[in-house]
Amino acid sequence: LILNWCSSLQSFPAILGKMDNLKSVSIDSTGIRELPPSIGNLVGLQELSMTSCLSLKELPDNFDMLQNLINLDIEGCPQLRSFLTKLRDMGQSTLTFGNIQSLNLENCGLIDEDLPIIFHCFPKVSSLVLSKNDFVALPICIQEFPCLELLHLDNCKKLQEIPGFPPNIQYVNARNCTSLTAESSNLLLSQVCLLFLKSSYTSFSHHHPFLLDFSFIGNF
């Protein structure tokens, strides 16, 4: 289902019954403000793209019912920060989306306090895009997520500190992270070397080489 560029579309249609066969929904650049609880009826949904939905503020409380959803793209939806605040306020009862493997949060206005709740709610993400956001430091808890392999931080102009990497990280894009100090950049590169040596020592046949895209990073 593709509804892209329907700027006058402000409401997602109600789903009256369970649907197994609909695998992908794209509502990029629409005027939709929130998704209805009935979206939980899309039990076969695997991909949901909502990029540049500038009015989108809320995801329904039963969003975790989409047990087959593996790819969630909400790039350019800055008002969804209110949903993250809601999740943070829920404390121990916070929803988790353990099935999602690919998450795009580029250009969503994220700040430091948003990141821990993202890692808590999406524990099985293997590909995470955090590009063009406003956080200053990655949380230490990022090192505790073994599923994370691909991390995009490019054009995070305020980013100063990367405390470490998850154990199975394979690729980091840190292009144009211009606020990283020389000390932070050197720490980043030293961690890359340690991970590369570790993977090479463990097995040449079962590990991909660690890749870091750091062109124009910090003071380099």
Protein backbone atom coordinates (compact mmCIF):
# COMPACT_ATOMS: atom_id res chain seq x y z
CA LEU A 1 0.00 0.00 0.00
CA ILE A 2 1.58 3.27 -1.16
CA LEU A 3 0.04 6.61 -0.21
CA ASN A 4 3.14 8.79 -0.58
CA TRP A 5 2.84 12.54 -1.19
CA CYS A 6 -0.86 12.68 -0.35
CA SER A 7 -0.38 15.86 1.66
CA SER A 8 -4.11 16.32 2.24
CA LEU A 9 -4.40 12.87 3.83
CA GLN A 10 -4.62 13.54 7.58
CA SER A 11 -6.09 10.27 8.88
CA PHE A 12 -4.95 6.72 8.27
CA PRO A 13 -7.93 4.57 7.24
CA ALA A 14 -9.36 2.28 9.90
CA ILE A 15 -8.53 -1.40 9.48
CA LEU A 16 -11.78 -3.24 10.12
CA GLY A 17 -10.43 -6.77 10.38
CA LYS A 18 -7.18 -8.68 10.59
CA MET A 19 -5.12 -8.61 7.40
CA ASP A 20 -2.42 -11.22 6.81
CA ASN A 21 -1.43 -10.41 3.25
CA LEU A 22 -0.52 -6.73 3.41
CA LYS A 23 3.27 -6.72 3.84
CA SER A 24 4.30 -3.11 3.22
CA VAL A 25 2.77 0.32 3.91
CA SER A 26 4.31 3.61 2.80
CA ILE A 27 2.77 6.95 3.82
CA ASP A 28 5.78 9.21 3.19
CA SER A 29 5.15 12.98 3.12
CA THR A 30 1.47 12.75 4.01
CA GLY A 31 -0.42 14.95 6.48
CA ILE A 32 -1.25 12.04 8.81
CA ARG A 33 -1.15 13.10 12.46
CA GLU A 34 -1.46 9.73 14.17
CA LEU A 35 -1.99 6.08 13.43
CA PRO A 36 -5.25 4.50 14.63
CA PRO A 37 -5.25 1.59 17.11
CA SER A 38 -6.74 -0.56 14.36
CA ILE A 39 -3.34 -0.64 12.64
CA GLY A 40 -2.72 -3.54 15.00
CA ASN A 41 -4.93 -5.56 12.64
CA LEU A 42 -2.16 -5.49 10.01
CA VAL A 43 -0.75 -8.68 11.48
CA GLY A 44 1.25 -9.52 8.34
CA LEU A 45 2.91 -6.11 8.02
CA GLN A 46 6.70 -6.31 7.60
CA GLU A 47 7.65 -2.82 6.41
CA LEU A 48 6.28 0.58 7.46
CA SER A 49 7.65 3.82 6.01
CA MET A 50 6.49 7.19 7.34
CA THR A 51 9.31 9.52 6.26
CA SER A 52 8.71 13.27 6.31
CA CYS A 53 5.31 13.03 7.99
CA LEU A 54 5.78 16.40 9.63
CA SER A 55 2.44 16.31 11.48
CA LEU A 56 2.85 12.80 12.88
CA LYS A 57 2.94 13.02 16.68
CA GLU A 58 1.74 9.68 18.00
CA LEU A 59 1.97 5.94 17.54
CA PRO A 60 -0.82 3.85 19.07
CA ASP A 61 -0.31 2.03 22.37
CA ASN A 62 -0.87 -1.31 20.65
CA PHE A 63 1.85 -0.67 18.05
CA ASP A 64 3.77 -3.60 19.51
CA MET A 65 1.05 -5.92 18.17
CA LEU A 66 2.73 -5.74 14.76
CA GLN A 67 4.78 -8.83 15.53
CA ASN A 68 5.98 -9.29 11.93
CA LEU A 69 7.19 -5.71 11.48
CA ILE A 70 10.95 -5.78 10.86
CA ASN A 71 11.61 -2.49 9.02
CA LEU A 72 10.44 0.85 10.48
CA ASP A 73 11.38 4.09 8.71
CA ILE A 74 10.32 7.34 10.40
CA GLU A 75 12.97 9.66 9.01
CA GLY A 76 12.15 13.36 9.22
CA CYS A 77 9.31 13.11 11.78
CA PRO A 78 10.49 15.52 14.51
CA GLN A 79 7.14 15.64 16.33
CA LEU A 80 7.42 11.95 17.18
CA ARG A 81 9.74 12.97 20.02
CA SER A 82 6.55 13.37 22.05
CA PHE A 83 5.94 9.63 21.61
CA LEU A 84 9.43 8.91 22.95
CA THR A 85 8.69 11.13 25.94
CA LYS A 86 5.53 9.13 26.55
CA LEU A 87 7.49 5.87 26.43
CA ARG A 88 10.09 7.25 28.85
CA ASP A 89 7.36 8.28 31.30
CA MET A 90 5.93 4.75 31.29
CA GLY A 91 9.01 3.49 33.17
CA GLN A 92 9.12 -0.29 33.65
CA SER A 93 5.94 -0.80 31.64
CA THR A 94 7.50 0.68 28.50
CA LEU A 95 6.55 -1.02 25.25
CA THR A 96 9.23 -3.04 23.49
CA PHE A 97 9.42 -3.80 19.78
CA GLY A 98 11.66 -6.83 19.79
CA ASN A 99 10.88 -7.85 16.23
CA ILE A 100 12.16 -4.70 14.51
CA GLN A 101 15.57 -5.19 12.91
CA SER A 102 15.97 -2.02 10.84
CA LEU A 103 15.12 1.39 12.34
CA ASN A 104 15.57 4.77 10.64
CA LEU A 105 15.31 7.83 12.91
CA GLU A 106 17.27 10.26 10.76
CA ASN A 107 16.50 13.95 11.23
CA CYS A 108 13.97 13.49 14.03
CA GLY A 109 15.40 16.15 16.36
CA LEU A 110 16.64 13.54 18.83
CA ILE A 111 18.57 14.70 21.91
CA ASP A 112 20.59 12.79 24.51
CA GLU A 113 17.65 11.85 26.73
CA ASP A 114 15.87 10.15 23.81
CA LEU A 115 18.59 7.60 23.08
CA PRO A 116 18.34 5.26 26.10
CA ILE A 117 14.62 4.74 25.54
CA ILE A 118 15.27 3.95 21.86
CA PHE A 119 17.78 1.26 22.76
CA HIS A 120 15.44 -0.11 25.43
CA CYS A 121 12.40 -0.27 23.16
CA PHE A 122 14.19 -1.70 20.12
CA PRO A 123 16.57 -4.31 21.59
CA LYS A 124 16.95 -6.46 18.45
CA VAL A 125 17.79 -3.72 15.94
CA SER A 126 20.69 -4.67 13.67
CA SER A 127 20.64 -1.52 11.50
CA LEU A 128 20.13 1.86 13.18
CA VAL A 129 20.13 5.25 11.46
CA LEU A 130 20.55 8.23 13.79
CA SER A 131 21.93 10.68 11.24
CA LYS A 132 21.26 14.44 11.36
CA ASN A 133 20.14 14.54 14.99
CA ASP A 134 21.03 16.82 17.91
CA PHE A 135 22.41 14.55 20.63
CA VAL A 136 25.84 15.27 22.11
CA ALA A 137 26.81 11.79 23.32
CA LEU A 138 25.80 8.21 22.68
CA PRO A 139 24.69 6.39 25.85
CA ILE A 140 27.00 3.86 27.48
CA CYS A 141 24.24 1.26 27.15
CA ILE A 142 24.91 1.07 23.40
CA GLN A 143 27.68 -1.39 24.25
CA GLU A 144 25.11 -3.87 25.60
CA PHE A 145 23.28 -4.56 22.32
CA PRO A 146 24.74 -7.60 20.55
CA CYS A 147 22.35 -7.42 17.58
CA LEU A 148 23.46 -3.96 16.42
CA GLU A 149 25.76 -4.28 13.37
CA LEU A 150 25.22 -1.11 11.30
CA LEU A 151 25.22 2.36 12.87
CA HIS A 152 24.75 5.62 10.96
CA LEU A 153 25.74 8.82 12.76
CA ASP A 154 26.64 10.99 9.78
CA ASN A 155 25.95 14.72 10.01
CA CYS A 156 25.30 14.64 13.75
CA LYS A 157 26.97 18.03 14.06
CA LYS A 158 26.65 18.22 17.88
CA LEU A 159 27.99 14.74 18.60
CA GLN A 160 31.08 14.87 20.81
CA GLU A 161 31.36 11.50 22.53
CA ILE A 162 31.11 7.87 21.46
CA PRO A 163 31.78 5.80 24.59
CA GLY A 164 32.10 2.45 22.85
CA PHE A 165 30.59 -0.03 20.43
CA PRO A 166 28.30 -3.06 20.65
CA PRO A 167 30.21 -6.37 20.47
CA ASN A 168 29.09 -7.28 16.94
CA ILE A 169 29.26 -3.88 15.23
CA GLN A 170 30.50 -4.08 11.63
CA TYR A 171 29.94 -0.64 10.15
CA VAL A 172 29.85 2.91 11.52
CA ASN A 173 29.20 5.98 9.41
CA ALA A 174 30.48 9.05 11.25
CA ARG A 175 30.89 11.44 8.33
CA ASN A 176 30.68 15.13 9.14
CA CYS A 177 30.46 14.69 12.90
CA THR A 178 32.31 17.98 13.15
CA SER A 179 32.06 18.46 16.93
CA LEU A 180 34.07 15.37 17.80
CA THR A 181 37.32 16.54 19.38
CA ALA A 182 40.67 15.12 18.28
CA GLU A 183 40.76 13.15 21.54
CA SER A 184 37.32 11.65 20.89
CA SER A 185 38.21 10.89 17.30
CA ASN A 186 41.39 9.11 18.36
CA LEU A 187 39.43 7.11 20.92
CA LEU A 188 36.96 6.13 18.23
CA LEU A 189 39.72 4.99 15.88
CA SER A 190 41.51 3.04 18.62
CA GLN A 191 38.29 1.17 19.39
CA VAL A 192 37.96 0.35 15.71
CA CYS A 193 41.46 -1.14 15.73
CA LEU A 194 40.70 -3.24 18.81
CA LEU A 195 37.50 -4.61 17.28
CA PHE A 196 39.23 -5.36 14.00
CA LEU A 197 42.08 -7.21 15.70
CA LYS A 198 39.62 -9.14 17.84
CA SER A 199 37.57 -10.28 14.87
CA SER A 200 40.67 -11.16 12.85
CA TYR A 201 42.15 -13.16 15.73
CA THR A 202 38.92 -15.03 16.44
CA SER A 203 38.15 -16.21 12.91
CA PHE A 204 38.91 -14.98 9.44
CA SER A 205 36.14 -17.12 7.93
CA HIS A 206 33.23 -16.15 10.17
CA HIS A 207 33.65 -12.37 10.60
CA HIS A 208 33.26 -9.48 8.21
CA PRO A 209 35.88 -6.72 8.52
CA PHE A 210 34.85 -3.79 10.66
CA LEU A 211 34.24 -0.70 8.53
CA LEU A 212 34.31 2.90 9.70
CA ASP A 213 33.35 5.74 7.38
CA PHE A 214 34.95 8.70 9.10
CA SER A 215 35.66 11.14 6.27
CA PHE A 216 35.78 14.68 7.67
CA ILE A 217 35.21 13.38 11.19
CA GLY A 218 36.11 15.72 14.01
CA ASN A 219 39.37 17.57 13.39
CA PHE A 220 40.63 15.24 10.67
